[in-house]
Amino acid sequence: MKALGCLLVAGALATGAAFTQPVVAQSTTPAASEETKKLYVAQCQACHGPNGKAMLPDMAFVDRAWKHGTSTADMAKVITEGVPGTMMMPFKGRLTEEQIRDLARYVRSLDPKLKPEKK
């Protein structure tokens, strides 16, 4: 019976079958709520990848050079206004200011190289 289970799993992996459970990024910031993590999965993960590790380096939040600033305010501005000439669309009007701020904090927390901001 165990052999059959292993064969089924191996077959699913070999055929590229995907598991439908979304990957929720783990935050190093305890204040990141489950709601914010789910918002990241719904709004950001498709482009920026699970845990901020996108396939394209320019879209990753980890192991990259930040082009638009590293503060929470910088990141909130990018989320709010988008980045003209790129695929990053503006979320103003689609998300509340609070959701944008929470996402900015969460995104920032994904990069272990960034030191905590002073309050």
PDB file of N, CA and C in Angstrom:
ATOM      1  N   MET A   1       0.825  -1.192   0.000  1.00  0.00           N
ATOM      2  CA  MET A   1       0.000   0.000   0.000  1.00  0.00           C
ATOM      3  C   MET A   1       0.870   1.258   0.000  1.00  0.00           C
ATOM      4  N   LYS A   2       1.970   1.231   0.809  1.00  0.00           N
ATOM      5  CA  LYS A   2       2.878   2.372   0.837  1.00  0.00           C
ATOM      6  C   LYS A   2       3.511   2.590  -0.524  1.00  0.00           C
ATOM      7  N   ALA A   3       3.829   1.499  -1.219  1.00  0.00           N
ATOM      8  CA  ALA A   3       4.449   1.607  -2.537  1.00  0.00           C
ATOM      9  C   ALA A   3       3.505   2.295  -3.519  1.00  0.00           C
ATOM     10  N   LEU A   4       2.220   1.967  -3.435  1.00  0.00           N
ATOM     11  CA  LEU A   4       1.240   2.596  -4.314  1.00  0.00           C
ATOM     12  C   LEU A   4       1.159   4.085  -4.047  1.00  0.00           C
ATOM     13  N   GLY A   5       1.174   4.490  -2.780  1.00  0.00           N
ATOM     14  CA  GLY A   5       1.143   5.912  -2.433  1.00  0.00           C
ATOM     15  C   GLY A   5       2.360   6.643  -2.968  1.00  0.00           C
ATOM     16  N   CYS A   6       3.522   6.030  -2.828  1.00  0.00           N
ATOM     17  CA  CYS A   6       4.756   6.627  -3.345  1.00  0.00           C
ATOM     18  C   CYS A   6       4.701   6.760  -4.859  1.00  0.00           C
ATOM     19  N   LEU A   7       4.162   5.744  -5.531  1.00  0.00           N
ATOM     20  CA  LEU A   7       4.044   5.798  -6.983  1.00  0.00           C
ATOM     21  C   LEU A   7       3.099   6.921  -7.413  1.00  0.00           C
ATOM     22  N   LEU A   8       2.001   7.079  -6.695  1.00  0.00           N
ATOM     23  CA  LEU A   8       1.058   8.142  -7.042  1.00  0.00           C
ATOM     24  C   LEU A   8       1.694   9.523  -6.877  1.00  0.00           C
ATOM     25  N   VAL A   9       2.407   9.734  -5.797  1.00  0.00           N
ATOM     26  CA  VAL A   9       3.081  11.012  -5.573  1.00  0.00           C
ATOM     27  C   VAL A   9       4.148  11.228  -6.639  1.00  0.00           C
ATOM     28  N   ALA A  10       4.947  10.202  -6.909  1.00  0.00           N
ATOM     29  CA  ALA A  10       5.996  10.313  -7.920  1.00  0.00           C
ATOM     30  C   ALA A  10       5.389  10.609  -9.283  1.00  0.00           C
ATOM     31  N   GLY A  11       4.283   9.956  -9.595  1.00  0.00           N
ATOM     32  CA  GLY A  11       3.606  10.203 -10.871  1.00  0.00           C
ATOM     33  C   GLY A  11       3.093  11.630 -10.975  1.00  0.00           C
ATOM     34  N   ALA A  12       2.536  12.133  -9.902  1.00  0.00           N
ATOM     35  CA  ALA A  12       2.032  13.506  -9.901  1.00  0.00           C
ATOM     36  C   ALA A  12       3.172  14.491 -10.099  1.00  0.00           C
ATOM     37  N   LEU A  13       4.292  14.249  -9.430  1.00  0.00           N
ATOM     38  CA  LEU A  13       5.448  15.130  -9.582  1.00  0.00           C
ATOM     39  C   LEU A  13       6.034  15.036 -10.986  1.00  0.00           C
ATOM     40  N   ALA A  14       6.088  13.839 -11.527  1.00  0.00           N
ATOM     41  CA  ALA A  14       6.665  13.643 -12.856  1.00  0.00           C
ATOM     42  C   ALA A  14       5.829  14.293 -13.942  1.00  0.00           C
ATOM     43  N   THR A  15       4.509  14.307 -13.760  1.00  0.00           N
ATOM     44  CA  THR A  15       3.642  14.908 -14.772  1.00  0.00           C
ATOM     45  C   THR A  15       3.481  16.401 -14.576  1.00  0.00           C
ATOM     46  N   GLY A  16       4.078  16.925 -13.527  1.00  0.00           N
ATOM     47  CA  GLY A  16       3.984  18.361 -13.301  1.00  0.00           C
ATOM     48  C   GLY A  16       2.691  18.766 -12.629  1.00  0.00           C
ATOM     49  N   ALA A  17       1.969  17.829 -12.066  1.00  0.00           N
ATOM     50  CA  ALA A  17       0.734  18.168 -11.381  1.00  0.00           C
ATOM     51  C   ALA A  17       1.042  19.117 -10.228  1.00  0.00           C
ATOM     52  N   ALA A  18       0.269  20.155 -10.138  1.00  0.00           N
ATOM     53  CA  ALA A  18       0.510  21.150  -9.089  1.00  0.00           C
ATOM     54  C   ALA A  18      -0.423  20.922  -7.918  1.00  0.00           C
ATOM     55  N   PHE A  19       0.074  21.191  -6.741  1.00  0.00           N
ATOM     56  CA  PHE A  19      -0.772  21.169  -5.574  1.00  0.00           C
ATOM     57  C   PHE A  19      -1.411  22.536  -5.499  1.00  0.00           C
ATOM     58  N   THR A  20      -2.689  22.613  -5.230  1.00  0.00           N
ATOM     59  CA  THR A  20      -3.416  23.873  -5.307  1.00  0.00           C
ATOM     60  C   THR A  20      -3.292  24.742  -4.067  1.00  0.00           C
ATOM     61  N   GLN A  21      -2.705  24.249  -3.011  1.00  0.00           N
ATOM     62  CA  GLN A  21      -2.547  25.042  -1.805  1.00  0.00           C
ATOM     63  C   GLN A  21      -1.531  26.151  -2.061  1.00  0.00           C
ATOM     64  N   PRO A  22      -1.922  27.433  -1.929  1.00  0.00           N
ATOM     65  CA  PRO A  22      -0.965  28.507  -2.179  1.00  0.00           C
ATOM     66  C   PRO A  22       0.123  28.531  -1.112  1.00  0.00           C
ATOM     67  N   VAL A  23       1.285  28.982  -1.529  1.00  0.00           N
ATOM     68  CA  VAL A  23       2.395  29.127  -0.591  1.00  0.00           C
ATOM     69  C   VAL A  23       2.276  30.501   0.038  1.00  0.00           C
ATOM     70  N   VAL A  24       2.171  30.543   1.344  1.00  0.00           N
ATOM     71  CA  VAL A  24       2.069  31.802   2.064  1.00  0.00           C
ATOM     72  C   VAL A  24       3.441  32.139   2.604  1.00  0.00           C
ATOM     73  N   ALA A  25       3.934  33.298   2.229  1.00  0.00           N
ATOM     74  CA  ALA A  25       5.260  33.718   2.685  1.00  0.00           C
ATOM     75  C   ALA A  25       5.278  33.831   4.205  1.00  0.00           C
ATOM     76  N   GLN A  26       6.380  33.429   4.777  1.00  0.00           N
ATOM     77  CA  GLN A  26       6.555  33.534   6.221  1.00  0.00           C
ATOM     78  C   GLN A  26       7.259  34.834   6.532  1.00  0.00           C
ATOM     79  N   SER A  27       6.716  35.606   7.396  1.00  0.00           N
ATOM     80  CA  SER A  27       7.301  36.892   7.735  1.00  0.00           C
ATOM     81  C   SER A  27       8.203  36.784   8.945  1.00  0.00           C
ATOM     82  N   THR A  28       9.264  37.573   8.929  1.00  0.00           N
ATOM     83  CA  THR A  28      10.106  37.657  10.109  1.00  0.00           C
ATOM     84  C   THR A  28       9.557  38.702  11.068  1.00  0.00           C
ATOM     85  N   THR A  29       8.528  39.408  10.641  1.00  0.00           N
ATOM     86  CA  THR A  29       7.895  40.416  11.467  1.00  0.00           C
ATOM     87  C   THR A  29       6.658  39.804  12.112  1.00  0.00           C
ATOM     88  N   PRO A  30       6.649  39.635  13.426  1.00  0.00           N
ATOM     89  CA  PRO A  30       5.508  38.992  14.061  1.00  0.00           C
ATOM     90  C   PRO A  30       4.207  39.763  13.864  1.00  0.00           C
ATOM     91  N   ALA A  31       4.294  41.059  13.574  1.00  0.00           N
ATOM     92  CA  ALA A  31       3.097  41.871  13.425  1.00  0.00           C
ATOM     93  C   ALA A  31       2.357  41.598  12.115  1.00  0.00           C
ATOM     94  N   ALA A  32       2.964  40.862  11.189  1.00  0.00           N
ATOM     95  CA  ALA A  32       2.297  40.563   9.930  1.00  0.00           C
ATOM     96  C   ALA A  32       1.118  39.632  10.209  1.00  0.00           C
ATOM     97  N   SER A  33      -0.066  40.104   9.910  1.00  0.00           N
ATOM     98  CA  SER A  33      -1.261  39.320  10.193  1.00  0.00           C
ATOM     99  C   SER A  33      -1.479  38.262   9.116  1.00  0.00           C
ATOM    100  N   GLU A  34      -2.283  37.298   9.429  1.00  0.00           N
ATOM    101  CA  GLU A  34      -2.660  36.289   8.438  1.00  0.00           C
ATOM    102  C   GLU A  34      -3.355  36.964   7.267  1.00  0.00           C
ATOM    103  N   GLU A  35      -4.127  38.001   7.556  1.00  0.00           N
ATOM    104  CA  GLU A  35      -4.821  38.742   6.494  1.00  0.00           C
ATOM    105  C   GLU A  35      -3.809  39.362   5.527  1.00  0.00           C
ATOM    106  N   THR A  36      -2.724  39.935   6.063  1.00  0.00           N
ATOM    107  CA  THR A  36      -1.697  40.536   5.214  1.00  0.00           C
ATOM    108  C   THR A  36      -0.983  39.469   4.399  1.00  0.00           C
ATOM    109  N   LYS A  37      -0.689  38.342   5.011  1.00  0.00           N
ATOM    110  CA  LYS A  37      -0.047  37.245   4.286  1.00  0.00           C
ATOM    111  C   LYS A  37      -0.942  36.752   3.154  1.00  0.00           C
ATOM    112  N   LYS A  38      -2.229  36.620   3.423  1.00  0.00           N
ATOM    113  CA  LYS A  38      -3.172  36.185   2.383  1.00  0.00           C
ATOM    114  C   LYS A  38      -3.296  37.236   1.284  1.00  0.00           C
ATOM    115  N   LEU A  39      -3.238  38.497   1.664  1.00  0.00           N
ATOM    116  CA  LEU A  39      -3.283  39.582   0.685  1.00  0.00           C
ATOM    117  C   LEU A  39      -2.052  39.510  -0.224  1.00  0.00           C
ATOM    118  N   TYR A  40      -0.892  39.222   0.355  1.00  0.00           N
ATOM    119  CA  TYR A  40       0.324  39.048  -0.441  1.00  0.00           C
ATOM    120  C   TYR A  40       0.133  37.909  -1.448  1.00  0.00           C
ATOM    121  N   VAL A  41      -0.386  36.781  -0.980  1.00  0.00           N
ATOM    122  CA  VAL A  41      -0.608  35.640  -1.870  1.00  0.00           C
ATOM    123  C   VAL A  41      -1.547  36.039  -3.009  1.00  0.00           C
ATOM    124  N   ALA A  42      -2.620  36.733  -2.692  1.00  0.00           N
ATOM    125  CA  ALA A  42      -3.618  37.086  -3.694  1.00  0.00           C
ATOM    126  C   ALA A  42      -3.152  38.171  -4.663  1.00  0.00           C
ATOM    127  N   GLN A  43      -2.411  39.160  -4.165  1.00  0.00           N
ATOM    128  CA  GLN A  43      -2.091  40.326  -4.984  1.00  0.00           C
ATOM    129  C   GLN A  43      -0.643  40.378  -5.485  1.00  0.00           C
ATOM    130  N   CYS A  44       0.279  39.710  -4.816  1.00  0.00           N
ATOM    131  CA  CYS A  44       1.708  39.911  -5.100  1.00  0.00           C
ATOM    132  C   CYS A  44       2.451  38.653  -5.530  1.00  0.00           C
ATOM    133  N   GLN A  45       2.067  37.526  -4.972  1.00  0.00           N
ATOM    134  CA  GLN A  45       2.844  36.312  -5.140  1.00  0.00           C
ATOM    135  C   GLN A  45       2.991  35.867  -6.593  1.00  0.00           C
ATOM    136  N   ALA A  46       1.999  36.085  -7.430  1.00  0.00           N
ATOM    137  CA  ALA A  46       2.081  35.634  -8.822  1.00  0.00           C
ATOM    138  C   ALA A  46       3.297  36.226  -9.531  1.00  0.00           C
ATOM    139  N   CYS A  47       3.618  37.470  -9.247  1.00  0.00           N
ATOM    140  CA  CYS A  47       4.771  38.120  -9.884  1.00  0.00           C
ATOM    141  C   CYS A  47       6.028  38.058  -9.021  1.00  0.00           C
ATOM    142  N   HIS A  48       5.866  38.237  -7.722  1.00  0.00           N
ATOM    143  CA  HIS A  48       7.021  38.370  -6.834  1.00  0.00           C
ATOM    144  C   HIS A  48       7.420  37.064  -6.152  1.00  0.00           C
ATOM    145  N   GLY A  49       6.634  36.017  -6.350  1.00  0.00           N
ATOM    146  CA  GLY A  49       6.990  34.694  -5.865  1.00  0.00           C
ATOM    147  C   GLY A  49       6.723  34.465  -4.391  1.00  0.00           C
ATOM    148  N   PRO A  50       6.663  33.177  -4.011  1.00  0.00           N
ATOM    149  CA  PRO A  50       6.513  32.836  -2.609  1.00  0.00           C
ATOM    150  C   PRO A  50       7.727  33.345  -1.831  1.00  0.00           C
ATOM    151  N   ASN A  51       7.481  33.929  -0.707  1.00  0.00           N
ATOM    152  CA  ASN A  51       8.554  34.447   0.134  1.00  0.00           C
ATOM    153  C   ASN A  51       9.393  35.518  -0.556  1.00  0.00           C
ATOM    154  N   GLY A  52       8.853  36.139  -1.616  1.00  0.00           N
ATOM    155  CA  GLY A  52       9.572  37.203  -2.310  1.00  0.00           C
ATOM    156  C   GLY A  52      10.701  36.716  -3.192  1.00  0.00           C
ATOM    157  N   LYS A  53      10.709  35.433  -3.495  1.00  0.00           N
ATOM    158  CA  LYS A  53      11.783  34.847  -4.303  1.00  0.00           C
ATOM    159  C   LYS A  53      11.275  34.576  -5.719  1.00  0.00           C
ATOM    160  N   ALA A  54      11.123  35.646  -6.488  1.00  0.00           N
ATOM    161  CA  ALA A  54      10.624  35.539  -7.859  1.00  0.00           C
ATOM    162  C   ALA A  54      11.663  34.904  -8.772  1.00  0.00           C
ATOM    163  N   MET A  55      11.199  34.318  -9.851  1.00  0.00           N
ATOM    164  CA  MET A  55      12.093  33.721 -10.840  1.00  0.00           C
ATOM    165  C   MET A  55      12.938  34.792 -11.530  1.00  0.00           C
ATOM    166  N   LEU A  56      12.357  35.963 -11.760  1.00  0.00           N
ATOM    167  CA  LEU A  56      13.082  37.059 -12.398  1.00  0.00           C
ATOM    168  C   LEU A  56      13.708  37.934 -11.322  1.00  0.00           C
ATOM    169  N   PRO A  57      15.009  38.135 -11.358  1.00  0.00           N
ATOM    170  CA  PRO A  57      15.678  38.897 -10.303  1.00  0.00           C
ATOM    171  C   PRO A  57      15.091  40.291 -10.059  1.00  0.00           C
ATOM    172  N   ASP A  58      14.661  40.980 -11.108  1.00  0.00           N
ATOM    173  CA  ASP A  58      14.104  42.324 -10.932  1.00  0.00           C
ATOM    174  C   ASP A  58      12.779  42.321 -10.171  1.00  0.00           C
ATOM    175  N   MET A  59      12.138  41.163 -10.079  1.00  0.00           N
ATOM    176  CA  MET A  59      10.852  41.085  -9.404  1.00  0.00           C
ATOM    177  C   MET A  59      10.960  40.465  -8.011  1.00  0.00           C
ATOM    178  N   ALA A  60      12.157  40.069  -7.633  1.00  0.00           N
ATOM    179  CA  ALA A  60      12.366  39.420  -6.337  1.00  0.00           C
ATOM    180  C   ALA A  60      12.546  40.455  -5.237  1.00  0.00           C
ATOM    181  N   PHE A  61      12.199  40.076  -4.029  1.00  0.00           N
ATOM    182  CA  PHE A  61      12.408  40.915  -2.847  1.00  0.00           C
ATOM    183  C   PHE A  61      13.607  40.420  -2.033  1.00  0.00           C
ATOM    184  N   VAL A  62      14.200  39.326  -2.449  1.00  0.00           N
ATOM    185  CA  VAL A  62      15.310  38.713  -1.729  1.00  0.00           C
ATOM    186  C   VAL A  62      16.503  38.619  -2.685  1.00  0.00           C
ATOM    187  N   ASP A  63      17.701  38.861  -2.168  1.00  0.00           N
ATOM    188  CA  ASP A  63      18.923  38.762  -2.977  1.00  0.00           C
ATOM    189  C   ASP A  63      18.894  39.672  -4.201  1.00  0.00           C
ATOM    190  N   ARG A  64      18.575  40.913  -3.986  1.00  0.00           N
ATOM    191  CA  ARG A  64      18.525  41.862  -5.091  1.00  0.00           C
ATOM    192  C   ARG A  64      18.932  43.239  -4.613  1.00  0.00           C
ATOM    193  N   ALA A  65      19.159  44.111  -5.552  1.00  0.00           N
ATOM    194  CA  ALA A  65      19.390  45.523  -5.241  1.00  0.00           C
ATOM    195  C   ALA A  65      18.044  46.222  -5.373  1.00  0.00           C
ATOM    196  N   TRP A  66      17.665  46.958  -4.368  1.00  0.00           N
ATOM    197  CA  TRP A  66      16.383  47.663  -4.384  1.00  0.00           C
ATOM    198  C   TRP A  66      16.518  48.925  -5.233  1.00  0.00           C
ATOM    199  N   LYS A  67      15.680  49.080  -6.249  1.00  0.00           N
ATOM    200  CA  LYS A  67      15.756  50.214  -7.172  1.00  0.00           C
ATOM    201  C   LYS A  67      14.992  51.434  -6.691  1.00  0.00           C
ATOM    202  N   HIS A  68      13.984  51.239  -5.861  1.00  0.00           N
ATOM    203  CA  HIS A  68      13.067  52.325  -5.514  1.00  0.00           C
ATOM    204  C   HIS A  68      13.088  52.684  -4.035  1.00  0.00           C
ATOM    205  N   GLY A  69      14.135  52.248  -3.328  1.00  0.00           N
ATOM    206  CA  GLY A  69      14.256  52.558  -1.907  1.00  0.00           C
ATOM    207  C   GLY A  69      13.930  51.373  -1.039  1.00  0.00           C
ATOM    208  N   THR A  70      14.433  51.430   0.197  1.00  0.00           N
ATOM    209  CA  THR A  70      14.257  50.286   1.101  1.00  0.00           C
ATOM    210  C   THR A  70      13.403  50.587   2.324  1.00  0.00           C
ATOM    211  N   SER A  71      12.891  51.792   2.426  1.00  0.00           N
ATOM    212  CA  SER A  71      12.047  52.099   3.584  1.00  0.00           C
ATOM    213  C   SER A  71      10.622  51.615   3.316  1.00  0.00           C
ATOM    214  N   THR A  72       9.880  51.451   4.390  1.00  0.00           N
ATOM    215  CA  THR A  72       8.473  51.079   4.250  1.00  0.00           C
ATOM    216  C   THR A  72       7.735  52.134   3.431  1.00  0.00           C
ATOM    217  N   ALA A  73       8.051  53.408   3.648  1.00  0.00           N
ATOM    218  CA  ALA A  73       7.407  54.488   2.893  1.00  0.00           C
ATOM    219  C   ALA A  73       7.713  54.386   1.395  1.00  0.00           C
ATOM    220  N   ASP A  74       8.977  54.050   1.059  1.00  0.00           N
ATOM    221  CA  ASP A  74       9.346  53.873  -0.350  1.00  0.00           C
ATOM    222  C   ASP A  74       8.534  52.743  -0.980  1.00  0.00           C
ATOM    223  N   MET A  75       8.420  51.654  -0.267  1.00  0.00           N
ATOM    224  CA  MET A  75       7.715  50.487  -0.784  1.00  0.00           C
ATOM    225  C   MET A  75       6.213  50.757  -0.898  1.00  0.00           C
ATOM    226  N   ALA A  76       5.668  51.484   0.072  1.00  0.00           N
ATOM    227  CA  ALA A  76       4.243  51.842   0.013  1.00  0.00           C
ATOM    228  C   ALA A  76       3.976  52.729  -1.201  1.00  0.00           C
ATOM    229  N   LYS A  77       4.909  53.618  -1.507  1.00  0.00           N
ATOM    230  CA  LYS A  77       4.751  54.492  -2.684  1.00  0.00           C
ATOM    231  C   LYS A  77       4.714  53.663  -3.961  1.00  0.00           C
ATOM    232  N   VAL A  78       5.601  52.682  -4.076  1.00  0.00           N
ATOM    233  CA  VAL A  78       5.624  51.824  -5.258  1.00  0.00           C
ATOM    234  C   VAL A  78       4.317  51.032  -5.364  1.00  0.00           C
ATOM    235  N   ILE A  79       3.850  50.497  -4.256  1.00  0.00           N
ATOM    236  CA  ILE A  79       2.596  49.734  -4.278  1.00  0.00           C
ATOM    237  C   ILE A  79       1.437  50.661  -4.648  1.00  0.00           C
ATOM    238  N   THR A  80       1.428  51.852  -4.113  1.00  0.00           N
ATOM    239  CA  THR A  80       0.349  52.805  -4.373  1.00  0.00           C
ATOM    240  C   THR A  80       0.346  53.274  -5.819  1.00  0.00           C
ATOM    241  N   GLU A  81       1.515  53.715  -6.304  1.00  0.00           N
ATOM    242  CA  GLU A  81       1.605  54.367  -7.613  1.00  0.00           C
ATOM    243  C   GLU A  81       2.019  53.442  -8.753  1.00  0.00           C
ATOM    244  N   GLY A  82       2.558  52.269  -8.426  1.00  0.00           N
ATOM    245  CA  GLY A  82       3.097  51.402  -9.457  1.00  0.00           C
ATOM    246  C   GLY A  82       4.420  51.947  -9.959  1.00  0.00           C
ATOM    247  N   VAL A  83       4.948  51.329 -10.999  1.00  0.00           N
ATOM    248  CA  VAL A  83       6.202  51.788 -11.605  1.00  0.00           C
ATOM    249  C   VAL A  83       5.968  51.897 -13.106  1.00  0.00           C
ATOM    250  N   PRO A  84       5.856  53.128 -13.616  1.00  0.00           N
ATOM    251  CA  PRO A  84       5.635  53.305 -15.060  1.00  0.00           C
ATOM    252  C   PRO A  84       6.712  52.603 -15.891  1.00  0.00           C
ATOM    253  N   GLY A  85       6.296  52.007 -16.978  1.00  0.00           N
ATOM    254  CA  GLY A  85       7.218  51.312 -17.868  1.00  0.00           C
ATOM    255  C   GLY A  85       7.544  49.898 -17.434  1.00  0.00           C
ATOM    256  N   THR A  86       6.898  49.439 -16.356  1.00  0.00           N
ATOM    257  CA  THR A  86       7.093  48.063 -15.887  1.00  0.00           C
ATOM    258  C   THR A  86       5.731  47.398 -15.725  1.00  0.00           C
ATOM    259  N   MET A  87       5.748  46.164 -15.318  1.00  0.00           N
ATOM    260  CA  MET A  87       4.498  45.434 -15.074  1.00  0.00           C
ATOM    261  C   MET A  87       3.885  45.772 -13.713  1.00  0.00           C
ATOM    262  N   MET A  88       4.593  46.544 -12.894  1.00  0.00           N
ATOM    263  CA  MET A  88       4.083  46.893 -11.559  1.00  0.00           C
ATOM    264  C   MET A  88       3.003  47.947 -11.695  1.00  0.00           C
ATOM    265  N   MET A  89       1.770  47.501 -11.495  1.00  0.00           N
ATOM    266  CA  MET A  89       0.637  48.407 -11.614  1.00  0.00           C
ATOM    267  C   MET A  89       0.341  49.093 -10.290  1.00  0.00           C
ATOM    268  N   PRO A  90      -0.348  50.235 -10.338  1.00  0.00           N
ATOM    269  CA  PRO A  90      -0.711  50.916  -9.093  1.00  0.00           C
ATOM    270  C   PRO A  90      -1.868  50.203  -8.388  1.00  0.00           C
ATOM    271  N   PHE A  91      -1.809  50.177  -7.076  1.00  0.00           N
ATOM    272  CA  PHE A  91      -2.875  49.563  -6.287  1.00  0.00           C
ATOM    273  C   PHE A  91      -3.733  50.601  -5.573  1.00  0.00           C
ATOM    274  N   LYS A  92      -3.461  51.884  -5.822  1.00  0.00           N
ATOM    275  CA  LYS A  92      -4.301  52.938  -5.249  1.00  0.00           C
ATOM    276  C   LYS A  92      -5.721  52.747  -5.778  1.00  0.00           C
ATOM    277  N   GLY A  93      -6.670  52.757  -4.886  1.00  0.00           N
ATOM    278  CA  GLY A  93      -8.056  52.545  -5.279  1.00  0.00           C
ATOM    279  C   GLY A  93      -8.466  51.078  -5.262  1.00  0.00           C
ATOM    280  N   ARG A  94      -7.505  50.185  -5.315  1.00  0.00           N
ATOM    281  CA  ARG A  94      -7.798  48.753  -5.255  1.00  0.00           C
ATOM    282  C   ARG A  94      -7.588  48.213  -3.852  1.00  0.00           C
ATOM    283  N   LEU A  95      -6.646  48.826  -3.127  1.00  0.00           N
ATOM    284  CA  LEU A  95      -6.361  48.449  -1.750  1.00  0.00           C
ATOM    285  C   LEU A  95      -6.468  49.691  -0.879  1.00  0.00           C
ATOM    286  N   THR A  96      -6.777  49.488   0.385  1.00  0.00           N
ATOM    287  CA  THR A  96      -6.844  50.624   1.299  1.00  0.00           C
ATOM    288  C   THR A  96      -5.423  51.073   1.651  1.00  0.00           C
ATOM    289  N   GLU A  97      -5.302  52.277   2.194  1.00  0.00           N
ATOM    290  CA  GLU A  97      -3.995  52.765   2.626  1.00  0.00           C
ATOM    291  C   GLU A  97      -3.402  51.835   3.685  1.00  0.00           C
ATOM    292  N   GLU A  98      -4.237  51.332   4.566  1.00  0.00           N
ATOM    293  CA  GLU A  98      -3.774  50.415   5.610  1.00  0.00           C
ATOM    294  C   GLU A  98      -3.251  49.111   5.009  1.00  0.00           C
ATOM    295  N   GLN A  99      -3.966  48.562   4.019  1.00  0.00           N
ATOM    296  CA  GLN A  99      -3.511  47.331   3.364  1.00  0.00           C
ATOM    297  C   GLN A  99      -2.170  47.566   2.657  1.00  0.00           C
ATOM    298  N   ILE A 100      -2.038  48.706   1.995  1.00  0.00           N
ATOM    299  CA  ILE A 100      -0.793  49.041   1.301  1.00  0.00           C
ATOM    300  C   ILE A 100       0.355  49.165   2.299  1.00  0.00           C
ATOM    301  N   ARG A 101       0.128  49.851   3.395  1.00  0.00           N
ATOM    302  CA  ARG A 101       1.159  50.004   4.426  1.00  0.00           C
ATOM    303  C   ARG A 101       1.560  48.643   4.995  1.00  0.00           C
ATOM    304  N   ASP A 102       0.559  47.802   5.285  1.00  0.00           N
ATOM    305  CA  ASP A 102       0.844  46.469   5.830  1.00  0.00           C
ATOM    306  C   ASP A 102       1.615  45.618   4.831  1.00  0.00           C
ATOM    307  N   LEU A 103       1.233  45.690   3.544  1.00  0.00           N
ATOM    308  CA  LEU A 103       1.965  44.944   2.524  1.00  0.00           C
ATOM    309  C   LEU A 103       3.399  45.445   2.399  1.00  0.00           C
ATOM    310  N   ALA A 104       3.590  46.767   2.468  1.00  0.00           N
ATOM    311  CA  ALA A 104       4.937  47.339   2.375  1.00  0.00           C
ATOM    312  C   ALA A 104       5.806  46.828   3.526  1.00  0.00           C
ATOM    313  N   ARG A 105       5.272  46.810   4.717  1.00  0.00           N
ATOM    314  CA  ARG A 105       6.026  46.287   5.868  1.00  0.00           C
ATOM    315  C   ARG A 105       6.358  44.811   5.676  1.00  0.00           C
ATOM    316  N   TYR A 106       5.383  44.080   5.189  1.00  0.00           N
ATOM    317  CA  TYR A 106       5.561  42.649   4.991  1.00  0.00           C
ATOM    318  C   TYR A 106       6.616  42.370   3.922  1.00  0.00           C
ATOM    319  N   VAL A 107       6.501  43.059   2.791  1.00  0.00           N
ATOM    320  CA  VAL A 107       7.463  42.890   1.705  1.00  0.00           C
ATOM    321  C   VAL A 107       8.870  43.209   2.201  1.00  0.00           C
ATOM    322  N   ARG A 108       8.996  44.280   2.947  1.00  0.00           N
ATOM    323  CA  ARG A 108      10.298  44.677   3.488  1.00  0.00           C
ATOM    324  C   ARG A 108      10.853  43.590   4.402  1.00  0.00           C
ATOM    325  N   SER A 109       9.991  42.938   5.158  1.00  0.00           N
ATOM    326  CA  SER A 109      10.438  41.910   6.100  1.00  0.00           C
ATOM    327  C   SER A 109      10.941  40.649   5.397  1.00  0.00           C
ATOM    328  N   LEU A 110      10.625  40.490   4.120  1.00  0.00           N
ATOM    329  CA  LEU A 110      11.038  39.296   3.393  1.00  0.00           C
ATOM    330  C   LEU A 110      12.534  39.293   3.066  1.00  0.00           C
ATOM    331  N   ASP A 111      13.145  40.479   3.023  1.00  0.00           N
ATOM    332  CA  ASP A 111      14.568  40.565   2.698  1.00  0.00           C
ATOM    333  C   ASP A 111      15.381  40.562   3.984  1.00  0.00           C
ATOM    334  N   PRO A 112      16.068  39.462   4.271  1.00  0.00           N
ATOM    335  CA  PRO A 112      16.817  39.363   5.532  1.00  0.00           C
ATOM    336  C   PRO A 112      18.002  40.330   5.610  1.00  0.00           C
ATOM    337  N   LYS A 113      18.415  40.907   4.475  1.00  0.00           N
ATOM    338  CA  LYS A 113      19.545  41.836   4.487  1.00  0.00           C
ATOM    339  C   LYS A 113      19.159  43.222   4.988  1.00  0.00           C
ATOM    340  N   LEU A 114      17.861  43.542   4.962  1.00  0.00           N
ATOM    341  CA  LEU A 114      17.426  44.869   5.407  1.00  0.00           C
ATOM    342  C   LEU A 114      17.331  44.896   6.927  1.00  0.00           C
ATOM    343  N   LYS A 115      17.970  45.877   7.516  1.00  0.00           N
ATOM    344  CA  LYS A 115      17.914  46.043   8.967  1.00  0.00           C
ATOM    345  C   LYS A 115      16.552  46.605   9.351  1.00  0.00           C
ATOM    346  N   PRO A 116      16.080  46.277  10.548  1.00  0.00           N
ATOM    347  CA  PRO A 116      14.794  46.842  11.000  1.00  0.00           C
ATOM    348  C   PRO A 116      14.849  48.361  10.974  1.00  0.00           C
ATOM    349  N   GLU A 117      13.727  48.955  10.604  1.00  0.00           N
ATOM    350  CA  GLU A 117      13.646  50.414  10.581  1.00  0.00           C
ATOM    351  C   GLU A 117      13.547  50.951  12.003  1.00  0.00           C
ATOM    352  N   LYS A 118      14.089  52.139  12.182  1.00  0.00           N
ATOM    353  CA  LYS A 118      13.946  52.811  13.464  1.00  0.00           C
ATOM    354  C   LYS A 118      12.557  53.400  13.532  1.00  0.00           C
ATOM    355  N   LYS A 119      11.984  53.325  14.705  1.00  0.00           N
ATOM    356  CA  LYS A 119      10.602  53.826  14.860  1.00  0.00           C
ATOM    357  C   LYS A 119      10.589  55.261  15.302  1.00  0.00           C
TER     358      LYS A 119
END
